[in-house]
Amino acid sequence: MTTIWRDWLTDNVLGDLGLNERQKNGVWFAKQNVEISNCRYRELTDISESKALRDLRELVKLGVMVKSGGVGRNASYTISRNKPVINPS
């Protein structure tokens, strides 16, 4: 059985979340490749391990990504299937 889901991560949504260019690139990579590892994110963005971890943790906190396995350098992240609430009132 195949499950189809609607891609809620449009350019407008990413803009509303206030993501930096590194994070947007990471999201697009994960969308195209199912997941992104901490190591691959660092290679893609050419940043330090600590900065990559901060970026990825922020994406998880915003509900854009879900940590799907591993710890530290071996951690991997997938796109969240659930749209987060943005600017609740």
PDB file of N, CA and C in Angstrom:
ATOM      1  N   MET A   1       0.836  -1.177   0.000  1.00  0.00           N
ATOM      2  CA  MET A   1       0.000   0.000   0.000  1.00  0.00           C
ATOM      3  C   MET A   1       0.882   1.242   0.000  1.00  0.00           C
ATOM      4  N   THR A   2       0.564   2.190  -0.818  1.00  0.00           N
ATOM      5  CA  THR A   2       1.312   3.434  -0.913  1.00  0.00           C
ATOM      6  C   THR A   2       0.516   4.554  -0.270  1.00  0.00           C
ATOM      7  N   THR A   3       1.185   5.329   0.566  1.00  0.00           N
ATOM      8  CA  THR A   3       0.546   6.474   1.186  1.00  0.00           C
ATOM      9  C   THR A   3       1.089   7.733   0.542  1.00  0.00           C
ATOM     10  N   ILE A   4       0.200   8.575   0.078  1.00  0.00           N
ATOM     11  CA  ILE A   4       0.593   9.840  -0.542  1.00  0.00           C
ATOM     12  C   ILE A   4       0.302  10.951   0.456  1.00  0.00           C
ATOM     13  N   TRP A   5       1.259  11.845   0.616  1.00  0.00           N
ATOM     14  CA  TRP A   5       1.045  12.971   1.526  1.00  0.00           C
ATOM     15  C   TRP A   5       1.328  14.259   0.801  1.00  0.00           C
ATOM     16  N   ARG A   6       0.647  15.268   1.224  1.00  0.00           N
ATOM     17  CA  ARG A   6       0.802  16.579   0.597  1.00  0.00           C
ATOM     18  C   ARG A   6       2.031  17.273   1.163  1.00  0.00           C
ATOM     19  N   ASP A   7       2.847  17.809   0.279  1.00  0.00           N
ATOM     20  CA  ASP A   7       4.044  18.524   0.685  1.00  0.00           C
ATOM     21  C   ASP A   7       3.658  19.903   1.199  1.00  0.00           C
ATOM     22  N   TRP A   8       3.696  20.074   2.496  1.00  0.00           N
ATOM     23  CA  TRP A   8       3.294  21.340   3.117  1.00  0.00           C
ATOM     24  C   TRP A   8       4.447  22.332   3.213  1.00  0.00           C
ATOM     25  N   LEU A   9       5.658  21.908   2.906  1.00  0.00           N
ATOM     26  CA  LEU A   9       6.828  22.776   3.027  1.00  0.00           C
ATOM     27  C   LEU A   9       7.070  23.561   1.740  1.00  0.00           C
ATOM     28  N   THR A  10       6.241  24.525   1.504  1.00  0.00           N
ATOM     29  CA  THR A  10       6.374  25.390   0.329  1.00  0.00           C
ATOM     30  C   THR A  10       7.373  26.509   0.632  1.00  0.00           C
ATOM     31  N   ASP A  11       7.746  27.252  -0.393  1.00  0.00           N
ATOM     32  CA  ASP A  11       8.637  28.401  -0.190  1.00  0.00           C
ATOM     33  C   ASP A  11       8.024  29.407   0.781  1.00  0.00           C
ATOM     34  N   ASN A  12       6.714  29.609   0.682  1.00  0.00           N
ATOM     35  CA  ASN A  12       6.039  30.556   1.575  1.00  0.00           C
ATOM     36  C   ASN A  12       6.109  30.099   3.029  1.00  0.00           C
ATOM     37  N   VAL A  13       5.872  28.815   3.265  1.00  0.00           N
ATOM     38  CA  VAL A  13       5.919  28.283   4.632  1.00  0.00           C
ATOM     39  C   VAL A  13       7.326  28.415   5.190  1.00  0.00           C
ATOM     40  N   LEU A  14       8.327  28.055   4.402  1.00  0.00           N
ATOM     41  CA  LEU A  14       9.711  28.156   4.869  1.00  0.00           C
ATOM     42  C   LEU A  14      10.065  29.609   5.172  1.00  0.00           C
ATOM     43  N   GLY A  15       9.558  30.541   4.364  1.00  0.00           N
ATOM     44  CA  GLY A  15       9.793  31.958   4.611  1.00  0.00           C
ATOM     45  C   GLY A  15       9.140  32.416   5.906  1.00  0.00           C
ATOM     46  N   ASP A  16       7.919  31.935   6.164  1.00  0.00           N
ATOM     47  CA  ASP A  16       7.202  32.308   7.388  1.00  0.00           C
ATOM     48  C   ASP A  16       7.894  31.779   8.641  1.00  0.00           C
ATOM     49  N   LEU A  17       8.620  30.683   8.501  1.00  0.00           N
ATOM     50  CA  LEU A  17       9.313  30.100   9.652  1.00  0.00           C
ATOM     51  C   LEU A  17      10.605  30.837   9.978  1.00  0.00           C
ATOM     52  N   GLY A  18      11.057  31.687   9.071  1.00  0.00           N
ATOM     53  CA  GLY A  18      12.270  32.462   9.320  1.00  0.00           C
ATOM     54  C   GLY A  18      13.546  31.638   9.240  1.00  0.00           C
ATOM     55  N   LEU A  19      13.555  30.615   8.396  1.00  0.00           N
ATOM     56  CA  LEU A  19      14.737  29.767   8.259  1.00  0.00           C
ATOM     57  C   LEU A  19      15.845  30.508   7.523  1.00  0.00           C
ATOM     58  N   ASN A  20      17.087  30.209   7.895  1.00  0.00           N
ATOM     59  CA  ASN A  20      18.212  30.778   7.160  1.00  0.00           C
ATOM     60  C   ASN A  20      18.444  29.938   5.896  1.00  0.00           C
ATOM     61  N   GLU A  21      19.304  30.410   5.024  1.00  0.00           N
ATOM     62  CA  GLU A  21      19.544  29.716   3.751  1.00  0.00           C
ATOM     63  C   GLU A  21      20.103  28.309   3.958  1.00  0.00           C
ATOM     64  N   ARG A  22      20.963  28.140   4.965  1.00  0.00           N
ATOM     65  CA  ARG A  22      21.500  26.802   5.253  1.00  0.00           C
ATOM     66  C   ARG A  22      20.365  25.837   5.569  1.00  0.00           C
ATOM     67  N   GLN A  23      19.459  26.274   6.435  1.00  0.00           N
ATOM     68  CA  GLN A  23      18.354  25.408   6.838  1.00  0.00           C
ATOM     69  C   GLN A  23      17.439  25.105   5.655  1.00  0.00           C
ATOM     70  N   LYS A  24      17.169  26.098   4.832  1.00  0.00           N
ATOM     71  CA  LYS A  24      16.338  25.867   3.648  1.00  0.00           C
ATOM     72  C   LYS A  24      16.986  24.843   2.728  1.00  0.00           C
ATOM     73  N   ASN A  25      18.291  24.963   2.518  1.00  0.00           N
ATOM     74  CA  ASN A  25      19.013  23.993   1.686  1.00  0.00           C
ATOM     75  C   ASN A  25      18.949  22.597   2.290  1.00  0.00           C
ATOM     76  N   GLY A  26      19.071  22.509   3.602  1.00  0.00           N
ATOM     77  CA  GLY A  26      18.974  21.214   4.278  1.00  0.00           C
ATOM     78  C   GLY A  26      17.598  20.598   4.120  1.00  0.00           C
ATOM     79  N   VAL A  27      16.569  21.422   4.233  1.00  0.00           N
ATOM     80  CA  VAL A  27      15.198  20.940   4.062  1.00  0.00           C
ATOM     81  C   VAL A  27      14.994  20.433   2.640  1.00  0.00           C
ATOM     82  N   TRP A  28      15.426  21.195   1.650  1.00  0.00           N
ATOM     83  CA  TRP A  28      15.268  20.758   0.256  1.00  0.00           C
ATOM     84  C   TRP A  28      16.030  19.461  -0.002  1.00  0.00           C
ATOM     85  N   PHE A  29      17.229  19.342   0.580  1.00  0.00           N
ATOM     86  CA  PHE A  29      17.998  18.105   0.422  1.00  0.00           C
ATOM     87  C   PHE A  29      17.235  16.931   1.026  1.00  0.00           C
ATOM     88  N   ALA A  30      16.710  17.108   2.232  1.00  0.00           N
ATOM     89  CA  ALA A  30      15.976  16.037   2.901  1.00  0.00           C
ATOM     90  C   ALA A  30      14.710  15.667   2.133  1.00  0.00           C
ATOM     91  N   LYS A  31      14.057  16.651   1.532  1.00  0.00           N
ATOM     92  CA  LYS A  31      12.850  16.370   0.741  1.00  0.00           C
ATOM     93  C   LYS A  31      13.197  15.499  -0.466  1.00  0.00           C
ATOM     94  N   GLN A  32      14.331  15.745  -1.076  1.00  0.00           N
ATOM     95  CA  GLN A  32      14.720  15.008  -2.277  1.00  0.00           C
ATOM     96  C   GLN A  32      15.348  13.651  -1.959  1.00  0.00           C
ATOM     97  N   ASN A  33      15.940  13.521  -0.767  1.00  0.00           N
ATOM     98  CA  ASN A  33      16.695  12.310  -0.438  1.00  0.00           C
ATOM     99  C   ASN A  33      16.156  11.551   0.762  1.00  0.00           C
ATOM    100  N   VAL A  34      14.947  11.813   1.171  1.00  0.00           N
ATOM    101  CA  VAL A  34      14.242  11.164   2.279  1.00  0.00           C
ATOM    102  C   VAL A  34      14.751  11.604   3.640  1.00  0.00           C
ATOM    103  N   GLU A  35      16.053  11.742   3.803  1.00  0.00           N
ATOM    104  CA  GLU A  35      16.606  12.169   5.088  1.00  0.00           C
ATOM    105  C   GLU A  35      17.921  12.907   4.864  1.00  0.00           C
ATOM    106  N   ILE A  36      18.373  13.529   5.937  1.00  0.00           N
ATOM    107  CA  ILE A  36      19.685  14.171   5.914  1.00  0.00           C
ATOM    108  C   ILE A  36      20.374  13.859   7.229  1.00  0.00           C
ATOM    109  N   SER A  37      21.618  13.491   7.152  1.00  0.00           N
ATOM    110  CA  SER A  37      22.384  13.216   8.366  1.00  0.00           C
ATOM    111  C   SER A  37      23.075  14.498   8.822  1.00  0.00           C
ATOM    112  N   ASN A  38      23.487  14.490  10.069  1.00  0.00           N
ATOM    113  CA  ASN A  38      24.234  15.623  10.607  1.00  0.00           C
ATOM    114  C   ASN A  38      25.488  15.839   9.759  1.00  0.00           C
ATOM    115  N   CYS A  39      26.174  14.764   9.446  1.00  0.00           N
ATOM    116  CA  CYS A  39      27.402  14.830   8.657  1.00  0.00           C
ATOM    117  C   CYS A  39      27.127  15.405   7.265  1.00  0.00           C
ATOM    118  N   ARG A  40      26.074  14.938   6.613  1.00  0.00           N
ATOM    119  CA  ARG A  40      25.750  15.421   5.269  1.00  0.00           C
ATOM    120  C   ARG A  40      25.348  16.895   5.306  1.00  0.00           C
ATOM    121  N   TYR A  41      24.627  17.305   6.362  1.00  0.00           N
ATOM    122  CA  TYR A  41      24.237  18.704   6.512  1.00  0.00           C
ATOM    123  C   TYR A  41      25.479  19.588   6.623  1.00  0.00           C
ATOM    124  N   ARG A  42      26.472  19.134   7.379  1.00  0.00           N
ATOM    125  CA  ARG A  42      27.721  19.899   7.518  1.00  0.00           C
ATOM    126  C   ARG A  42      28.449  19.997   6.188  1.00  0.00           C
ATOM    127  N   GLU A  43      28.489  18.910   5.436  1.00  0.00           N
ATOM    128  CA  GLU A  43      29.141  18.930   4.124  1.00  0.00           C
ATOM    129  C   GLU A  43      28.406  19.866   3.165  1.00  0.00           C
ATOM    130  N   LEU A  44      27.093  19.817   3.206  1.00  0.00           N
ATOM    131  CA  LEU A  44      26.256  20.633   2.321  1.00  0.00           C
ATOM    132  C   LEU A  44      26.401  22.123   2.609  1.00  0.00           C
ATOM    133  N   THR A  45      26.517  22.469   3.891  1.00  0.00           N
ATOM    134  CA  THR A  45      26.516  23.876   4.290  1.00  0.00           C
ATOM    135  C   THR A  45      27.886  24.422   4.657  1.00  0.00           C
ATOM    136  N   ASP A  46      28.874  23.547   4.778  1.00  0.00           N
ATOM    137  CA  ASP A  46      30.248  23.934   5.126  1.00  0.00           C
ATOM    138  C   ASP A  46      30.303  24.724   6.437  1.00  0.00           C
ATOM    139  N   ILE A  47      29.708  24.129   7.487  1.00  0.00           N
ATOM    140  CA  ILE A  47      29.708  24.760   8.807  1.00  0.00           C
ATOM    141  C   ILE A  47      30.224  23.773   9.847  1.00  0.00           C
ATOM    142  N   SER A  48      30.458  24.276  11.049  1.00  0.00           N
ATOM    143  CA  SER A  48      30.984  23.450  12.134  1.00  0.00           C
ATOM    144  C   SER A  48      29.926  22.477  12.641  1.00  0.00           C
ATOM    145  N   GLU A  49      30.385  21.476  13.364  1.00  0.00           N
ATOM    146  CA  GLU A  49      29.486  20.470  13.932  1.00  0.00           C
ATOM    147  C   GLU A  49      28.484  21.102  14.898  1.00  0.00           C
ATOM    148  N   SER A  50      28.958  22.023  15.728  1.00  0.00           N
ATOM    149  CA  SER A  50      28.061  22.641  16.705  1.00  0.00           C
ATOM    150  C   SER A  50      27.003  23.521  16.032  1.00  0.00           C
ATOM    151  N   LYS A  51      27.382  24.239  14.990  1.00  0.00           N
ATOM    152  CA  LYS A  51      26.420  25.081  14.282  1.00  0.00           C
ATOM    153  C   LYS A  51      25.405  24.212  13.543  1.00  0.00           C
ATOM    154  N   ALA A  52      25.868  23.109  12.964  1.00  0.00           N
ATOM    155  CA  ALA A  52      24.956  22.187  12.277  1.00  0.00           C
ATOM    156  C   ALA A  52      23.947  21.611  13.267  1.00  0.00           C
ATOM    157  N   LEU A  53      24.422  21.238  14.434  1.00  0.00           N
ATOM    158  CA  LEU A  53      23.536  20.689  15.448  1.00  0.00           C
ATOM    159  C   LEU A  53      22.495  21.721  15.881  1.00  0.00           C
ATOM    160  N   ARG A  54      22.908  22.965  16.046  1.00  0.00           N
ATOM    161  CA  ARG A  54      21.954  24.031  16.408  1.00  0.00           C
ATOM    162  C   ARG A  54      20.904  24.218  15.319  1.00  0.00           C
ATOM    163  N   ASP A  55      21.345  24.253  14.069  1.00  0.00           N
ATOM    164  CA  ASP A  55      20.409  24.409  12.951  1.00  0.00           C
ATOM    165  C   ASP A  55      19.396  23.266  12.924  1.00  0.00           C
ATOM    166  N   LEU A  56      19.889  22.041  13.026  1.00  0.00           N
ATOM    167  CA  LEU A  56      19.007  20.880  12.944  1.00  0.00           C
ATOM    168  C   LEU A  56      18.070  20.808  14.142  1.00  0.00           C
ATOM    169  N   ARG A  57      18.555  21.144  15.322  1.00  0.00           N
ATOM    170  CA  ARG A  57      17.683  21.164  16.507  1.00  0.00           C
ATOM    171  C   ARG A  57      16.578  22.201  16.348  1.00  0.00           C
ATOM    172  N   GLU A  58      16.905  23.333  15.746  1.00  0.00           N
ATOM    173  CA  GLU A  58      15.893  24.364  15.526  1.00  0.00           C
ATOM    174  C   GLU A  58      14.833  23.859  14.550  1.00  0.00           C
ATOM    175  N   LEU A  59      15.243  23.140  13.508  1.00  0.00           N
ATOM    176  CA  LEU A  59      14.287  22.577  12.555  1.00  0.00           C
ATOM    177  C   LEU A  59      13.360  21.576  13.230  1.00  0.00           C
ATOM    178  N   VAL A  60      13.901  20.801  14.159  1.00  0.00           N
ATOM    179  CA  VAL A  60      13.076  19.855  14.926  1.00  0.00           C
ATOM    180  C   VAL A  60      12.120  20.625  15.836  1.00  0.00           C
ATOM    181  N   LYS A  61      12.629  21.630  16.515  1.00  0.00           N
ATOM    182  CA  LYS A  61      11.802  22.434  17.423  1.00  0.00           C
ATOM    183  C   LYS A  61      10.647  23.105  16.673  1.00  0.00           C
ATOM    184  N   LEU A  62      10.902  23.564  15.446  1.00  0.00           N
ATOM    185  CA  LEU A  62       9.873  24.209  14.630  1.00  0.00           C
ATOM    186  C   LEU A  62       8.878  23.206  14.035  1.00  0.00           C
ATOM    187  N   GLY A  63       9.190  21.917  14.136  1.00  0.00           N
ATOM    188  CA  GLY A  63       8.303  20.895  13.601  1.00  0.00           C
ATOM    189  C   GLY A  63       8.510  20.590  12.138  1.00  0.00           C
ATOM    190  N   VAL A  64       9.605  21.095  11.563  1.00  0.00           N
ATOM    191  CA  VAL A  64       9.897  20.860  10.150  1.00  0.00           C
ATOM    192  C   VAL A  64      10.500  19.476   9.952  1.00  0.00           C
ATOM    193  N   MET A  65      11.379  19.071  10.867  1.00  0.00           N
ATOM    194  CA  MET A  65      12.035  17.772  10.771  1.00  0.00           C
ATOM    195  C   MET A  65      11.825  16.979  12.049  1.00  0.00           C
ATOM    196  N   VAL A  66      12.049  15.678  11.912  1.00  0.00           N
ATOM    197  CA  VAL A  66      11.969  14.752  13.027  1.00  0.00           C
ATOM    198  C   VAL A  66      13.275  13.984  13.067  1.00  0.00           C
ATOM    199  N   LYS A  67      13.857  13.868  14.253  1.00  0.00           N
ATOM    200  CA  LYS A  67      15.087  13.075  14.384  1.00  0.00           C
ATOM    201  C   LYS A  67      14.694  11.620  14.214  1.00  0.00           C
ATOM    202  N   SER A  68      15.340  10.954  13.272  1.00  0.00           N
ATOM    203  CA  SER A  68      14.917   9.596  12.929  1.00  0.00           C
ATOM    204  C   SER A  68      15.918   8.521  13.312  1.00  0.00           C
ATOM    205  N   GLY A  69      17.069   8.888  13.820  1.00  0.00           N
ATOM    206  CA  GLY A  69      17.993   7.843  14.227  1.00  0.00           C
ATOM    207  C   GLY A  69      19.370   8.369  14.546  1.00  0.00           C
ATOM    208  N   GLY A  70      20.084   7.596  15.328  1.00  0.00           N
ATOM    209  CA  GLY A  70      21.452   7.924  15.672  1.00  0.00           C
ATOM    210  C   GLY A  70      21.569   9.061  16.667  1.00  0.00           C
ATOM    211  N   VAL A  71      22.793   9.275  17.101  1.00  0.00           N
ATOM    212  CA  VAL A  71      23.087  10.373  18.018  1.00  0.00           C
ATOM    213  C   VAL A  71      24.347  11.080  17.537  1.00  0.00           C
ATOM    214  N   GLY A  72      24.481  12.337  17.907  1.00  0.00           N
ATOM    215  CA  GLY A  72      25.681  13.094  17.558  1.00  0.00           C
ATOM    216  C   GLY A  72      25.907  13.154  16.067  1.00  0.00           C
ATOM    217  N   ARG A  73      27.118  12.813  15.666  1.00  0.00           N
ATOM    218  CA  ARG A  73      27.481  12.865  14.244  1.00  0.00           C
ATOM    219  C   ARG A  73      26.679  11.899  13.392  1.00  0.00           C
ATOM    220  N   ASN A  74      26.159  10.837  14.010  1.00  0.00           N
ATOM    221  CA  ASN A  74      25.415   9.817  13.274  1.00  0.00           C
ATOM    222  C   ASN A  74      23.917  10.083  13.220  1.00  0.00           C
ATOM    223  N   ALA A  75      23.479  11.192  13.771  1.00  0.00           N
ATOM    224  CA  ALA A  75      22.053  11.500  13.779  1.00  0.00           C
ATOM    225  C   ALA A  75      21.552  11.747  12.366  1.00  0.00           C
ATOM    226  N   SER A  76      20.308  11.360  12.121  1.00  0.00           N
ATOM    227  CA  SER A  76      19.678  11.642  10.838  1.00  0.00           C
ATOM    228  C   SER A  76      18.298  12.230  11.090  1.00  0.00           C
ATOM    229  N   TYR A  77      17.827  12.970  10.110  1.00  0.00           N
ATOM    230  CA  TYR A  77      16.585  13.715  10.244  1.00  0.00           C
ATOM    231  C   TYR A  77      15.750  13.543   8.987  1.00  0.00           C
ATOM    232  N   THR A  78      14.433  13.411   9.178  1.00  0.00           N
ATOM    233  CA  THR A  78      13.499  13.312   8.070  1.00  0.00           C
ATOM    234  C   THR A  78      12.494  14.461   8.171  1.00  0.00           C
ATOM    235  N   ILE A  79      11.835  14.735   7.073  1.00  0.00           N
ATOM    236  CA  ILE A  79      10.818  15.779   7.044  1.00  0.00           C
ATOM    237  C   ILE A  79       9.606  15.312   7.837  1.00  0.00           C
ATOM    238  N   SER A  80       9.086  16.188   8.673  1.00  0.00           N
ATOM    239  CA  SER A  80       7.886  15.886   9.450  1.00  0.00           C
ATOM    240  C   SER A  80       6.692  15.780   8.512  1.00  0.00           C
ATOM    241  N   ARG A  81       5.845  14.808   8.755  1.00  0.00           N
ATOM    242  CA  ARG A  81       4.637  14.639   7.939  1.00  0.00           C
ATOM    243  C   ARG A  81       3.508  15.526   8.434  1.00  0.00           C
ATOM    244  N   ASN A  82       3.648  16.084   9.639  1.00  0.00           N
ATOM    245  CA  ASN A  82       2.599  16.901  10.229  1.00  0.00           C
ATOM    246  C   ASN A  82       2.971  18.368  10.158  1.00  0.00           C
ATOM    247  N   LYS A  83       2.073  19.163   9.669  1.00  0.00           N
ATOM    248  CA  LYS A  83       2.296  20.599   9.563  1.00  0.00           C
ATOM    249  C   LYS A  83       2.207  21.225  10.953  1.00  0.00           C
ATOM    250  N   PRO A  84       3.239  21.966  11.369  1.00  0.00           N
ATOM    251  CA  PRO A  84       3.194  22.599  12.683  1.00  0.00           C
ATOM    252  C   PRO A  84       2.291  23.832  12.685  1.00  0.00           C
ATOM    253  N   VAL A  85       1.879  24.231  13.864  1.00  0.00           N
ATOM    254  CA  VAL A  85       1.086  25.450  13.992  1.00  0.00           C
ATOM    255  C   VAL A  85       2.041  26.624  13.965  1.00  0.00           C
ATOM    256  N   ILE A  86       1.848  27.533  13.012  1.00  0.00           N
ATOM    257  CA  ILE A  86       2.719  28.693  12.859  1.00  0.00           C
ATOM    258  C   ILE A  86       1.973  29.921  13.358  1.00  0.00           C
ATOM    259  N   ASN A  87       2.602  30.653  14.262  1.00  0.00           N
ATOM    260  CA  ASN A  87       2.011  31.875  14.841  1.00  0.00           C
ATOM    261  C   ASN A  87       0.610  31.647  15.385  1.00  0.00           C
ATOM    262  N   PRO A  88       0.466  30.744  16.367  1.00  0.00           N
ATOM    263  CA  PRO A  88      -0.877  30.514  16.924  1.00  0.00           C
ATOM    264  C   PRO A  88      -1.388  31.764  17.630  1.00  0.00           C
ATOM    265  N   SER A  89      -2.718  32.016  17.512  1.00  0.00           N
ATOM    266  CA  SER A  89      -3.271  33.174  18.198  1.00  0.00           C
ATOM    267  C   SER A  89      -4.430  32.804  19.073  1.00  0.00           C
TER     268      SER A  89
END
